[in-house]
N, C-alpha and C. Protein backbone atom coordinates (compact mmCIF):
# COMPACT_ATOMS: atom_id res chain seq x y z
N MET A 1 -17.17 47.29 -33.34
CA MET A 1 -18.27 48.17 -33.10
C MET A 1 -19.45 47.38 -32.61
N ARG A 2 -20.06 47.70 -31.55
CA ARG A 2 -21.12 47.03 -31.02
C ARG A 2 -22.47 47.89 -31.13
N CYS A 3 -23.40 47.46 -31.80
CA CYS A 3 -24.66 48.14 -31.90
C CYS A 3 -25.84 47.13 -31.65
N SER A 4 -25.64 46.30 -30.54
CA SER A 4 -26.58 45.40 -30.30
C SER A 4 -27.75 46.07 -29.46
N ASN A 5 -28.99 45.53 -29.64
CA ASN A 5 -30.12 45.89 -28.84
C ASN A 5 -30.46 47.36 -28.85
N LEU A 6 -30.34 47.94 -29.91
CA LEU A 6 -30.53 49.42 -30.00
C LEU A 6 -31.90 49.79 -30.84
N HIS A 7 -32.68 48.74 -31.05
CA HIS A 7 -33.94 48.81 -31.74
C HIS A 7 -33.76 49.40 -33.19
N LEU A 8 -32.52 49.11 -33.78
CA LEU A 8 -32.35 49.66 -35.12
C LEU A 8 -33.18 48.93 -36.15
N THR A 9 -33.73 49.77 -37.01
CA THR A 9 -34.46 49.21 -38.18
C THR A 9 -33.82 49.29 -39.54
N GLU A 10 -32.60 49.93 -39.41
CA GLU A 10 -31.77 50.03 -40.72
C GLU A 10 -30.28 49.95 -40.25
N ILE A 11 -29.40 49.54 -41.30
CA ILE A 11 -28.00 49.60 -41.03
C ILE A 11 -27.42 50.86 -40.73
N PRO A 12 -26.74 51.29 -39.73
CA PRO A 12 -26.20 52.57 -39.53
C PRO A 12 -25.27 53.00 -40.66
N GLN A 13 -25.25 54.32 -40.93
CA GLN A 13 -24.54 54.77 -42.00
C GLN A 13 -23.15 55.39 -41.65
N ASP A 14 -22.87 55.42 -40.26
CA ASP A 14 -21.58 56.08 -39.89
C ASP A 14 -20.70 55.11 -39.26
N ILE A 15 -20.78 53.88 -39.83
CA ILE A 15 -19.67 52.86 -39.15
C ILE A 15 -18.37 53.00 -39.87
N PRO A 16 -17.27 53.25 -38.93
CA PRO A 16 -15.92 53.47 -39.43
C PRO A 16 -15.52 52.36 -40.44
N ASN A 17 -14.76 52.87 -41.43
CA ASN A 17 -14.44 51.93 -42.54
C ASN A 17 -13.32 50.99 -42.15
N ASP A 18 -12.67 51.11 -40.97
CA ASP A 18 -11.77 50.18 -40.50
C ASP A 18 -12.33 49.23 -39.54
N THR A 19 -13.55 49.10 -39.41
CA THR A 19 -14.20 48.23 -38.50
C THR A 19 -13.87 46.79 -38.96
N ARG A 20 -13.56 45.80 -37.96
CA ARG A 20 -13.29 44.50 -38.12
C ARG A 20 -14.38 43.62 -37.65
N ARG A 21 -15.02 44.02 -36.52
CA ARG A 21 -16.05 43.31 -36.02
C ARG A 21 -17.39 44.05 -35.82
N LEU A 22 -18.43 43.75 -36.35
CA LEU A 22 -19.67 44.64 -36.23
C LEU A 22 -20.80 43.70 -35.66
N TYR A 23 -21.39 44.19 -34.55
CA TYR A 23 -22.43 43.39 -33.89
C TYR A 23 -23.66 44.22 -34.06
N LEU A 24 -24.61 43.66 -34.76
CA LEU A 24 -26.03 44.28 -34.97
C LEU A 24 -27.06 43.43 -34.50
N ASP A 25 -26.72 42.54 -33.60
CA ASP A 25 -27.59 41.51 -33.04
C ASP A 25 -28.67 42.16 -32.20
N TYR A 26 -29.82 41.41 -32.11
CA TYR A 26 -30.95 41.89 -31.10
C TYR A 26 -31.55 43.25 -31.51
N ASN A 27 -31.80 43.52 -32.84
CA ASN A 27 -32.25 44.68 -33.37
C ASN A 27 -33.52 44.37 -34.07
N LEU A 28 -34.11 45.31 -34.83
CA LEU A 28 -35.30 45.14 -35.56
C LEU A 28 -35.18 45.24 -37.07
N LEU A 29 -34.01 44.72 -37.51
CA LEU A 29 -33.76 44.80 -39.00
C LEU A 29 -34.58 43.77 -39.63
N THR A 30 -35.30 44.13 -40.76
CA THR A 30 -36.07 43.23 -41.64
C THR A 30 -35.50 42.88 -42.89
N SER A 31 -34.50 43.60 -43.45
CA SER A 31 -33.86 43.31 -44.66
C SER A 31 -32.44 43.87 -44.72
N ILE A 32 -31.64 43.39 -45.55
CA ILE A 32 -30.31 43.92 -45.78
C ILE A 32 -30.16 44.40 -47.18
N PRO A 33 -30.12 45.77 -47.49
CA PRO A 33 -30.16 46.22 -48.89
C PRO A 33 -28.84 45.90 -49.55
N ALA A 34 -28.91 46.10 -50.78
CA ALA A 34 -27.58 46.02 -51.60
C ALA A 34 -26.49 46.98 -51.15
N ASN A 35 -25.23 46.56 -51.01
CA ASN A 35 -24.06 47.50 -50.76
C ASN A 35 -24.15 47.93 -49.23
N ALA A 36 -24.89 47.32 -48.39
CA ALA A 36 -25.01 47.78 -47.07
C ALA A 36 -23.75 47.77 -46.20
N PHE A 37 -22.76 46.95 -46.71
CA PHE A 37 -21.36 46.96 -46.04
C PHE A 37 -20.26 47.16 -46.94
N HIS A 38 -20.53 47.80 -48.08
CA HIS A 38 -19.64 47.90 -49.20
C HIS A 38 -18.33 48.70 -48.71
N ASP A 39 -18.52 49.58 -47.82
CA ASP A 39 -17.47 50.54 -47.32
C ASP A 39 -16.65 49.96 -46.12
N LEU A 40 -16.91 48.72 -45.89
CA LEU A 40 -16.10 48.03 -44.77
C LEU A 40 -15.23 46.97 -45.27
N PRO A 41 -14.20 47.37 -45.86
CA PRO A 41 -13.21 46.27 -46.47
C PRO A 41 -12.46 45.44 -45.56
N LEU A 42 -12.41 45.75 -44.32
CA LEU A 42 -11.62 45.04 -43.29
C LEU A 42 -12.52 44.08 -42.40
N LEU A 43 -13.85 44.29 -42.74
CA LEU A 43 -14.81 43.53 -41.84
C LEU A 43 -14.61 41.90 -41.87
N ALA A 44 -14.36 41.43 -40.69
CA ALA A 44 -14.02 40.04 -40.54
C ALA A 44 -15.19 39.20 -39.89
N GLU A 45 -15.91 39.97 -38.98
CA GLU A 45 -16.97 39.22 -38.37
C GLU A 45 -18.24 40.15 -38.29
N LEU A 46 -19.47 39.55 -38.68
CA LEU A 46 -20.51 40.26 -38.86
C LEU A 46 -21.68 39.57 -38.14
N ASP A 47 -22.36 40.20 -37.04
CA ASP A 47 -23.31 39.49 -36.36
C ASP A 47 -24.74 40.05 -36.49
N LEU A 48 -25.62 39.43 -37.23
CA LEU A 48 -26.92 39.83 -37.53
C LEU A 48 -27.95 39.04 -36.97
N SER A 49 -27.64 38.31 -35.85
CA SER A 49 -28.55 37.28 -35.35
C SER A 49 -29.58 38.11 -34.56
N HIS A 50 -30.72 37.38 -34.28
CA HIS A 50 -31.80 37.83 -33.46
C HIS A 50 -32.42 39.14 -33.94
N ASN A 51 -32.58 39.20 -35.25
CA ASN A 51 -33.33 40.32 -35.78
C ASN A 51 -34.66 39.73 -36.46
N GLU A 52 -35.26 40.58 -37.36
CA GLU A 52 -36.38 40.13 -38.00
C GLU A 52 -36.19 39.95 -39.56
N LEU A 53 -34.94 39.53 -39.93
CA LEU A 53 -34.46 39.50 -41.29
C LEU A 53 -35.23 38.46 -42.09
N ALA A 54 -35.91 38.91 -43.17
CA ALA A 54 -36.73 38.06 -44.04
C ALA A 54 -36.19 38.15 -45.44
N LEU A 55 -35.39 39.21 -45.76
CA LEU A 55 -34.92 39.42 -47.06
C LEU A 55 -33.43 39.83 -47.16
N LEU A 56 -32.60 39.17 -47.97
CA LEU A 56 -31.32 39.63 -48.18
C LEU A 56 -31.21 39.96 -49.70
N GLU A 57 -31.21 41.31 -49.98
CA GLU A 57 -31.13 41.64 -51.29
C GLU A 57 -29.99 41.29 -52.13
N PRO A 58 -30.00 41.05 -53.46
CA PRO A 58 -28.84 40.79 -54.24
C PRO A 58 -27.82 41.90 -54.05
N GLY A 59 -26.58 41.60 -53.66
CA GLY A 59 -25.49 42.43 -53.38
C GLY A 59 -25.48 42.86 -51.91
N ALA A 60 -26.23 42.15 -51.06
CA ALA A 60 -26.31 42.64 -49.70
C ALA A 60 -24.94 42.59 -48.95
N PHE A 61 -24.19 41.62 -49.36
CA PHE A 61 -22.85 41.49 -48.70
C PHE A 61 -21.64 41.72 -49.63
N ARG A 62 -22.06 42.56 -50.67
CA ARG A 62 -21.04 42.98 -51.73
C ARG A 62 -19.78 43.59 -51.08
N GLY A 63 -18.70 43.20 -51.55
CA GLY A 63 -17.38 43.83 -50.99
C GLY A 63 -16.77 43.14 -49.69
N LEU A 64 -17.57 42.08 -49.27
CA LEU A 64 -16.94 41.44 -48.11
C LEU A 64 -16.40 40.00 -48.45
N ALA A 65 -16.22 39.69 -49.73
CA ALA A 65 -15.70 38.33 -50.12
C ALA A 65 -14.30 38.08 -49.60
N ALA A 66 -13.47 39.17 -49.64
CA ALA A 66 -12.16 38.99 -49.33
C ALA A 66 -11.86 38.95 -47.83
N SER A 67 -12.74 39.64 -47.12
CA SER A 67 -12.33 39.81 -45.63
C SER A 67 -13.24 39.04 -44.61
N LEU A 68 -14.44 38.80 -45.00
CA LEU A 68 -15.50 38.17 -43.97
C LEU A 68 -15.07 36.73 -43.62
N GLN A 69 -14.87 36.45 -42.39
CA GLN A 69 -14.60 35.16 -41.94
C GLN A 69 -15.83 34.55 -41.25
N PHE A 70 -16.61 35.29 -40.53
CA PHE A 70 -17.69 34.72 -39.85
C PHE A 70 -18.96 35.58 -39.96
N LEU A 71 -20.03 34.91 -40.32
CA LEU A 71 -21.46 35.69 -40.64
C LEU A 71 -22.51 35.00 -39.71
N ASP A 72 -23.07 35.65 -38.93
CA ASP A 72 -24.16 35.15 -37.92
C ASP A 72 -25.42 35.58 -38.48
N LEU A 73 -26.32 34.73 -38.96
CA LEU A 73 -27.71 35.06 -39.44
C LEU A 73 -28.71 34.27 -38.71
N SER A 74 -28.32 33.82 -37.52
CA SER A 74 -29.22 32.94 -36.74
C SER A 74 -30.37 33.71 -36.19
N SER A 75 -31.47 32.93 -35.87
CA SER A 75 -32.65 33.50 -35.29
C SER A 75 -33.30 34.76 -35.93
N ASN A 76 -33.35 34.53 -37.25
CA ASN A 76 -34.06 35.55 -37.98
C ASN A 76 -35.44 34.89 -38.65
N GLN A 77 -35.93 35.57 -39.70
CA GLN A 77 -37.13 34.98 -40.42
C GLN A 77 -36.83 34.61 -41.73
N LEU A 78 -35.54 34.09 -42.10
CA LEU A 78 -35.28 33.76 -43.42
C LEU A 78 -35.81 32.47 -43.87
N THR A 79 -36.39 32.41 -44.94
CA THR A 79 -36.95 31.18 -45.56
C THR A 79 -36.20 30.68 -46.78
N MET A 80 -35.44 31.68 -47.45
CA MET A 80 -34.87 31.35 -48.70
C MET A 80 -33.48 32.09 -48.69
N LEU A 81 -32.43 31.49 -49.35
CA LEU A 81 -31.11 32.07 -49.56
C LEU A 81 -31.08 32.38 -51.10
N ASP A 82 -30.66 33.68 -51.28
CA ASP A 82 -30.27 34.09 -52.62
C ASP A 82 -28.87 34.23 -52.80
N PRO A 83 -28.20 33.32 -53.66
CA PRO A 83 -26.88 33.29 -53.87
C PRO A 83 -26.35 34.63 -54.34
N ASP A 84 -27.10 35.36 -55.04
CA ASP A 84 -26.71 36.77 -55.50
C ASP A 84 -26.54 37.72 -54.33
N ALA A 85 -27.00 37.37 -53.10
CA ALA A 85 -26.82 38.33 -51.96
C ALA A 85 -25.34 38.22 -51.43
N PHE A 86 -24.67 36.99 -51.66
CA PHE A 86 -23.45 36.82 -51.00
C PHE A 86 -22.25 37.07 -51.91
N GLU A 87 -22.37 36.97 -53.27
CA GLU A 87 -21.47 37.27 -54.18
C GLU A 87 -20.02 36.88 -53.85
N GLY A 88 -19.81 35.53 -53.64
CA GLY A 88 -18.54 34.99 -53.45
C GLY A 88 -18.11 34.90 -51.95
N VAL A 89 -18.90 35.33 -51.07
CA VAL A 89 -18.53 35.34 -49.67
C VAL A 89 -18.37 33.82 -49.18
N THR A 90 -17.28 33.47 -48.61
CA THR A 90 -16.88 32.11 -48.22
C THR A 90 -16.85 31.94 -46.80
N ALA A 91 -17.37 32.84 -46.06
CA ALA A 91 -17.19 32.82 -44.54
C ALA A 91 -18.07 31.65 -43.93
N ARG A 92 -17.56 31.18 -42.83
CA ARG A 92 -18.32 30.35 -42.00
C ARG A 92 -19.53 31.06 -41.43
N SER A 93 -20.76 30.36 -41.53
CA SER A 93 -21.85 31.09 -41.20
C SER A 93 -22.81 30.30 -40.24
N ASN A 94 -23.48 30.99 -39.49
CA ASN A 94 -24.54 30.44 -38.60
C ASN A 94 -25.96 30.68 -39.09
N LEU A 95 -26.62 29.69 -39.71
CA LEU A 95 -27.87 29.77 -40.32
C LEU A 95 -29.01 29.22 -39.51
N THR A 96 -28.79 28.78 -38.32
CA THR A 96 -29.75 28.13 -37.50
C THR A 96 -30.89 29.02 -36.99
N GLY A 97 -31.98 28.48 -36.60
CA GLY A 97 -32.99 29.20 -36.02
C GLY A 97 -33.81 30.12 -37.00
N ASN A 98 -33.84 29.71 -38.21
CA ASN A 98 -34.70 30.38 -39.31
C ASN A 98 -35.67 29.44 -39.76
N PRO A 99 -36.95 29.97 -40.16
CA PRO A 99 -38.00 29.05 -40.67
C PRO A 99 -37.72 28.66 -42.14
N TRP A 100 -36.65 27.94 -42.37
CA TRP A 100 -36.38 27.68 -43.80
C TRP A 100 -37.50 26.85 -44.48
N HIS A 101 -37.86 27.27 -45.65
CA HIS A 101 -38.79 26.63 -46.48
C HIS A 101 -37.99 25.90 -47.61
N CYS A 102 -37.98 24.65 -47.45
CA CYS A 102 -37.15 23.77 -48.37
C CYS A 102 -37.95 23.37 -49.68
N ASP A 103 -37.67 23.95 -50.80
CA ASP A 103 -38.30 23.62 -52.05
C ASP A 103 -37.35 23.53 -53.10
N CYS A 104 -37.76 23.50 -54.36
CA CYS A 104 -36.95 23.35 -55.42
C CYS A 104 -36.02 24.63 -55.69
N ARG A 105 -36.44 25.74 -55.39
CA ARG A 105 -35.71 26.89 -55.36
C ARG A 105 -34.38 26.95 -54.41
N LEU A 106 -34.70 26.44 -53.30
CA LEU A 106 -33.61 26.37 -52.26
C LEU A 106 -32.65 25.27 -52.79
N GLN A 107 -33.18 24.12 -53.24
CA GLN A 107 -32.29 23.06 -53.67
C GLN A 107 -31.33 23.47 -54.75
N THR A 108 -31.81 24.30 -55.71
CA THR A 108 -30.98 24.76 -56.77
C THR A 108 -30.06 25.91 -56.42
N ALA A 109 -30.32 26.54 -55.31
CA ALA A 109 -29.63 27.73 -54.93
C ALA A 109 -28.35 27.41 -54.03
N LEU A 110 -28.56 26.32 -53.28
CA LEU A 110 -27.46 25.89 -52.36
C LEU A 110 -26.13 25.58 -53.09
N PRO A 111 -26.13 24.94 -54.28
CA PRO A 111 -24.80 24.55 -54.89
C PRO A 111 -24.15 25.89 -55.44
N ARG A 112 -24.84 27.02 -55.44
CA ARG A 112 -24.27 28.30 -56.09
C ARG A 112 -23.70 29.05 -54.83
N LEU A 113 -23.87 28.70 -53.72
CA LEU A 113 -23.38 29.46 -52.52
C LEU A 113 -21.89 29.06 -52.26
N ASP A 114 -21.04 29.91 -51.94
CA ASP A 114 -19.68 29.60 -51.69
C ASP A 114 -19.37 29.49 -50.17
N LEU A 115 -20.31 29.69 -49.36
CA LEU A 115 -20.17 29.62 -47.88
C LEU A 115 -19.64 28.20 -47.52
N GLU A 116 -18.87 28.28 -46.45
CA GLU A 116 -18.36 26.86 -45.91
C GLU A 116 -19.39 25.81 -45.79
N PRO A 117 -19.08 24.61 -46.39
CA PRO A 117 -20.23 23.68 -46.44
C PRO A 117 -20.87 23.41 -45.01
N VAL A 118 -20.06 23.39 -43.95
CA VAL A 118 -20.54 23.02 -42.68
C VAL A 118 -21.63 24.12 -42.25
N SER A 119 -21.62 25.31 -42.92
CA SER A 119 -22.54 26.32 -42.61
C SER A 119 -23.95 25.92 -42.93
N LEU A 120 -24.06 25.10 -43.95
CA LEU A 120 -25.38 24.73 -44.57
C LEU A 120 -26.13 23.74 -43.78
N THR A 121 -25.41 23.10 -42.89
CA THR A 121 -26.10 22.18 -41.97
C THR A 121 -27.03 22.81 -41.15
N GLY A 122 -26.89 24.17 -40.97
CA GLY A 122 -27.90 24.96 -40.09
C GLY A 122 -29.23 25.22 -40.74
N ILE A 123 -29.36 24.75 -41.94
CA ILE A 123 -30.62 24.90 -42.70
C ILE A 123 -31.43 23.66 -42.33
N ILE A 124 -32.46 23.90 -41.42
CA ILE A 124 -33.37 22.78 -41.00
C ILE A 124 -34.74 23.14 -41.44
N CYS A 125 -35.31 22.24 -42.31
CA CYS A 125 -36.59 22.57 -42.99
C CYS A 125 -37.67 22.73 -42.02
N GLN A 126 -38.26 23.86 -41.91
CA GLN A 126 -39.47 24.07 -41.07
C GLN A 126 -40.76 23.74 -41.92
N THR A 127 -40.71 24.01 -43.17
CA THR A 127 -41.72 23.70 -44.15
C THR A 127 -41.07 23.10 -45.43
N SER A 128 -41.79 22.46 -46.22
CA SER A 128 -41.18 21.87 -47.40
C SER A 128 -42.30 21.82 -48.52
N GLU A 129 -41.86 21.72 -49.76
CA GLU A 129 -42.71 21.56 -50.90
C GLU A 129 -42.04 20.47 -51.81
N PRO A 130 -42.59 19.47 -52.04
CA PRO A 130 -43.86 19.06 -51.58
C PRO A 130 -43.89 18.62 -50.11
N LEU A 131 -45.16 18.59 -49.51
CA LEU A 131 -45.32 18.33 -48.08
C LEU A 131 -44.91 17.03 -47.68
N ASP A 132 -44.89 16.03 -48.51
CA ASP A 132 -44.51 14.64 -48.19
C ASP A 132 -43.11 14.27 -48.54
N SER A 133 -42.23 15.36 -48.70
CA SER A 133 -41.03 15.04 -49.09
C SER A 133 -40.04 14.44 -48.01
N GLY A 134 -40.54 14.51 -46.76
CA GLY A 134 -39.69 14.01 -45.66
C GLY A 134 -38.54 14.82 -45.15
N ALA A 135 -38.68 16.17 -45.58
CA ALA A 135 -37.52 17.12 -45.38
C ALA A 135 -37.80 17.89 -43.99
N GLN A 136 -39.01 18.03 -43.56
CA GLN A 136 -39.39 18.80 -42.45
C GLN A 136 -38.66 18.31 -41.10
N GLY A 137 -38.06 19.23 -40.43
CA GLY A 137 -37.49 19.00 -39.13
C GLY A 137 -36.17 18.29 -39.19
N VAL A 138 -35.46 18.20 -40.35
CA VAL A 138 -34.13 17.66 -40.40
C VAL A 138 -33.38 18.52 -41.18
N PRO A 139 -32.01 18.54 -40.98
CA PRO A 139 -30.98 19.35 -41.76
C PRO A 139 -31.12 18.97 -43.28
N PHE A 140 -31.25 20.06 -44.02
CA PHE A 140 -31.64 19.83 -45.64
C PHE A 140 -30.56 18.98 -46.13
N LEU A 141 -29.30 19.23 -45.87
CA LEU A 141 -28.28 18.50 -46.46
C LEU A 141 -28.14 17.07 -46.10
N LEU A 142 -28.76 16.58 -45.01
CA LEU A 142 -28.68 15.33 -44.45
C LEU A 142 -29.91 14.36 -45.00
N VAL A 143 -30.78 14.94 -45.72
CA VAL A 143 -31.82 14.17 -46.12
C VAL A 143 -31.38 13.34 -47.57
N LYS A 144 -31.37 12.16 -47.39
CA LYS A 144 -30.80 11.32 -48.55
C LYS A 144 -31.87 11.21 -49.65
N ASP A 145 -31.18 11.30 -50.90
CA ASP A 145 -31.88 11.05 -52.08
C ASP A 145 -33.13 11.98 -52.22
N LEU A 146 -33.00 13.33 -51.81
CA LEU A 146 -34.07 14.29 -51.79
C LEU A 146 -33.99 15.04 -52.99
N ASP A 147 -35.02 15.04 -53.72
CA ASP A 147 -35.26 15.88 -54.96
C ASP A 147 -36.49 16.59 -54.96
N LEU A 148 -36.49 17.90 -54.47
CA LEU A 148 -37.60 18.73 -54.39
C LEU A 148 -38.06 19.30 -55.61
N CYS A 149 -37.27 19.00 -56.76
CA CYS A 149 -37.67 19.51 -58.05
C CYS A 149 -38.56 18.58 -58.82
N VAL A 150 -38.71 17.31 -58.36
CA VAL A 150 -39.53 16.36 -59.02
C VAL A 150 -40.87 16.85 -59.37
N VAL A 151 -41.57 17.44 -58.47
CA VAL A 151 -42.92 17.95 -58.71
C VAL A 151 -42.92 19.01 -59.77
N LEU A 152 -41.95 19.97 -59.70
CA LEU A 152 -41.76 21.05 -60.71
C LEU A 152 -41.65 20.41 -62.05
N LYS A 153 -40.67 19.39 -62.06
CA LYS A 153 -40.40 18.67 -63.43
C LYS A 153 -41.74 18.16 -63.93
N LYS A 154 -42.39 17.44 -63.12
CA LYS A 154 -43.69 16.75 -63.52
C LYS A 154 -44.67 17.82 -63.93
N THR A 155 -44.82 18.96 -63.28
CA THR A 155 -45.69 19.97 -63.59
C THR A 155 -45.37 20.61 -65.09
N THR A 156 -44.00 20.72 -65.19
CA THR A 156 -43.56 21.27 -66.42
C THR A 156 -43.84 20.29 -67.65
N ASP A 157 -43.69 19.01 -67.35
CA ASP A 157 -43.92 18.04 -68.39
C ASP A 157 -45.43 17.97 -68.70
N VAL A 158 -46.30 18.17 -67.73
CA VAL A 158 -47.72 18.07 -67.96
C VAL A 158 -48.13 19.38 -68.63
N ALA A 159 -47.45 20.59 -68.36
CA ALA A 159 -47.79 21.72 -69.08
C ALA A 159 -47.44 21.74 -70.59
N MET A 160 -46.33 21.02 -70.80
CA MET A 160 -45.84 20.88 -72.18
C MET A 160 -46.80 19.89 -72.97
N LEU A 161 -47.21 18.80 -72.35
CA LEU A 161 -48.12 17.93 -72.96
C LEU A 161 -49.54 18.66 -73.35
N VAL A 162 -50.00 19.47 -72.33
CA VAL A 162 -51.20 20.16 -72.50
C VAL A 162 -51.06 21.22 -73.70
N THR A 163 -49.87 21.87 -73.63
CA THR A 163 -49.63 22.92 -74.75
C THR A 163 -49.56 22.10 -76.09
N MET A 164 -48.92 20.96 -76.17
CA MET A 164 -48.78 20.16 -77.49
C MET A 164 -50.07 19.73 -77.87
N PHE A 165 -50.97 19.28 -76.87
CA PHE A 165 -52.29 18.80 -77.23
C PHE A 165 -53.18 19.82 -77.84
N GLY A 166 -52.96 21.06 -77.18
CA GLY A 166 -53.74 22.29 -77.62
C GLY A 166 -53.38 22.66 -79.12
N TRP A 167 -52.03 22.58 -79.42
CA TRP A 167 -51.64 22.90 -80.79
C TRP A 167 -52.12 21.81 -81.74
N PHE A 168 -52.03 20.67 -81.34
CA PHE A 168 -52.49 19.48 -82.06
C PHE A 168 -54.03 19.58 -82.45
N THR A 169 -54.76 19.98 -81.39
CA THR A 169 -56.26 20.12 -81.63
C THR A 169 -56.45 21.29 -82.52
N MET A 170 -55.70 22.36 -82.47
CA MET A 170 -55.97 23.51 -83.26
C MET A 170 -55.64 23.13 -84.86
N VAL A 171 -54.50 22.27 -84.99
CA VAL A 171 -54.12 21.93 -86.35
C VAL A 171 -55.23 21.02 -86.88
N ILE A 172 -55.72 20.07 -86.11
CA ILE A 172 -56.79 19.21 -86.63
C ILE A 172 -58.02 20.01 -86.99
N SER A 173 -58.34 20.90 -86.06
CA SER A 173 -59.51 21.72 -86.33
C SER A 173 -59.45 22.48 -87.64
N TYR A 174 -58.23 23.05 -87.89
CA TYR A 174 -58.05 23.84 -89.05
C TYR A 174 -58.13 22.92 -90.32
N LEU A 175 -57.49 21.76 -90.22
CA LEU A 175 -57.66 20.87 -91.37
C LEU A 175 -59.07 20.37 -91.63
N VAL A 176 -59.82 20.19 -90.56
CA VAL A 176 -61.31 19.75 -90.82
C VAL A 176 -61.95 20.92 -91.50
N TYR A 177 -61.77 22.17 -90.95
CA TYR A 177 -62.45 23.29 -91.61
C TYR A 177 -61.95 23.46 -93.01
N TYR A 178 -60.68 23.25 -93.23
CA TYR A 178 -60.18 23.63 -94.64
C TYR A 178 -60.82 22.56 -95.57
N VAL A 179 -60.92 21.15 -95.11
CA VAL A 179 -61.46 20.18 -95.97
C VAL A 179 -63.02 20.53 -96.25
N ARG A 180 -63.56 20.72 -95.29
CA ARG A 180 -65.08 20.96 -95.39
C ARG A 180 -65.34 22.24 -96.27
N HIS A 181 -64.52 23.28 -96.16
CA HIS A 181 -64.66 24.50 -96.89
C HIS A 181 -64.43 24.26 -98.34
N ASN A 182 -63.34 23.43 -98.67
CA ASN A 182 -63.13 23.09 -99.96
C ASN A 182 -64.19 22.12 -100.56
N GLN A 183 -64.70 21.22 -99.85
CA GLN A 183 -65.79 20.45 -100.21
C GLN A 183 -67.01 21.31 -100.64
N GLU A 184 -67.28 22.31 -99.79
CA GLU A 184 -68.43 23.10 -100.13
C GLU A 184 -68.21 24.01 -101.38
N ASP A 185 -67.04 24.44 -101.55
CA ASP A 185 -66.64 25.17 -102.75
C ASP A 185 -66.85 24.31 -104.05
N ALA A 186 -66.23 23.12 -103.79
CA ALA A 186 -66.37 22.10 -104.94
C ALA A 186 -67.84 21.85 -105.31
N ARG A 187 -68.56 21.62 -104.31
CA ARG A 187 -70.10 21.37 -104.57
C ARG A 187 -70.80 22.52 -105.22
N ARG A 188 -70.59 23.67 -104.86
CA ARG A 188 -71.05 24.91 -105.49
C ARG A 188 -70.62 24.97 -106.91
N HIS A 189 -69.29 24.74 -107.13
CA HIS A 189 -68.81 24.87 -108.48
C HIS A 189 -69.39 23.83 -109.34
N LEU A 190 -69.64 22.69 -108.85
CA LEU A 190 -70.13 21.55 -109.63
C LEU A 190 -71.59 21.86 -109.98
N GLU A 191 -72.43 22.46 -109.10
CA GLU A 191 -73.69 22.93 -109.33
C GLU A 191 -73.78 23.98 -110.34
N TYR A 192 -72.79 24.82 -110.35
CA TYR A 192 -72.69 25.95 -111.28
C TYR A 192 -72.50 25.36 -112.72
N LEU A 193 -71.54 24.33 -112.76
CA LEU A 193 -71.17 23.73 -114.07
C LEU A 193 -72.46 23.02 -114.53
N LYS A 194 -73.25 22.32 -113.66
CA LYS A 194 -74.40 21.58 -114.23
C LYS A 194 -75.48 22.49 -114.66
N SER A 195 -75.45 23.67 -114.20
CA SER A 195 -76.47 24.60 -114.64
C SER A 195 -76.22 25.33 -115.94
N LEU A 196 -75.01 25.22 -116.51
CA LEU A 196 -74.55 25.85 -117.60
C LEU A 196 -75.25 25.33 -118.84
N PRO A 197 -75.38 24.05 -119.21
CA PRO A 197 -76.11 23.59 -120.35
C PRO A 197 -77.50 23.92 -120.46
N SER A 198 -78.21 23.90 -119.37
CA SER A 198 -79.66 24.32 -119.37
C SER A 198 -79.79 25.75 -119.83
N ARG A 199 -78.95 26.63 -119.23
CA ARG A 199 -79.00 28.10 -119.52
C ARG A 199 -78.63 28.30 -121.07
N GLN A 200 -77.71 27.49 -121.57
CA GLN A 200 -77.30 27.59 -122.90
C GLN A 200 -78.43 27.11 -123.83
N GLY A 201 -79.18 26.05 -123.39
CA GLY A 201 -80.31 25.54 -124.25
C GLY A 201 -81.38 26.56 -124.37
N LYS A 202 -81.66 27.23 -123.24
CA LYS A 202 -82.78 28.25 -123.18
C LYS A 202 -82.44 29.38 -124.03
N SER A 203 -81.15 29.73 -124.16
CA SER A 203 -80.60 30.80 -125.02
C SER A 203 -80.81 30.42 -126.50
N GLU A 204 -80.48 29.16 -126.78
CA GLU A 204 -80.64 28.76 -128.18
C GLU A 204 -82.10 28.74 -128.75
N GLU A 205 -82.96 28.31 -127.74
CA GLU A 205 -84.40 28.20 -128.04
C GLU A 205 -84.94 29.66 -128.29
N SER A 206 -84.51 30.62 -127.44
CA SER A 206 -84.92 31.94 -127.63
C SER A 206 -84.53 32.40 -128.91
N SER A 207 -83.27 32.08 -129.34
CA SER A 207 -82.80 32.59 -130.70
C SER A 207 -83.56 31.98 -131.88
N THR A 208 -84.02 30.75 -131.73
CA THR A 208 -84.72 30.06 -132.81
C THR A 208 -86.16 30.81 -132.99
N ILE A 209 -86.78 30.98 -131.83
CA ILE A 209 -88.17 31.62 -131.86
C ILE A 209 -88.06 33.03 -132.44
N SER A 210 -86.99 33.67 -132.19
CA SER A 210 -86.82 35.09 -132.63
C SER A 210 -86.61 35.02 -134.28
N THR A 211 -85.93 34.06 -134.63
CA THR A 211 -85.66 33.82 -136.03
C THR A 211 -86.90 33.58 -136.81
N VAL A 212 -87.69 32.71 -136.32
CA VAL A 212 -88.99 32.36 -136.85
C VAL A 212 -89.88 33.46 -136.98
N VAL A 213 -89.93 34.28 -135.90
CA VAL A 213 -90.81 35.46 -135.93
C VAL A 213 -90.27 36.45 -137.06
């Protein structure tokens, strides 16, 4: 079924369920919702190239794991791949021509994808985080010893240190307050005890005068 260059903004709802090849290239699709192709159990080839796709929702290709052999997502606006969108799809895929943003999220997502490994060579980093990672302009999988999660790990470590320092400061502050408060109570109690004999003496003196009178 060919639906190319029809200015479509949504996936058509009347696609025959025995469709084996579906061409939706050169349209205006911006996202693929969940279960978009769930009723196409025989679909072997899906062409979504040359659209404006920026989002593949979780479950976008649900139901295609057993049948899909080729998936074309080239020349779109994808920056990130969500493994939950593919749900076991192992098809050979064309991922070229997208403005991929290579960061820790993408690095941790790739091992969770079941797509043919050769497909992932189409991920060429247009931007990266950190900027000086050396990933820009080269296939992501071909960058040696690349760890884009280092900065995130360092940030997490710093956050933990700051949190621990904060708790430590609070504990010290509480201890200082507790000690000072106890010292003040002790001083007041001591002054009270010192005042007891003088009061008792005045009471005895008053009693003596009363007796004499």
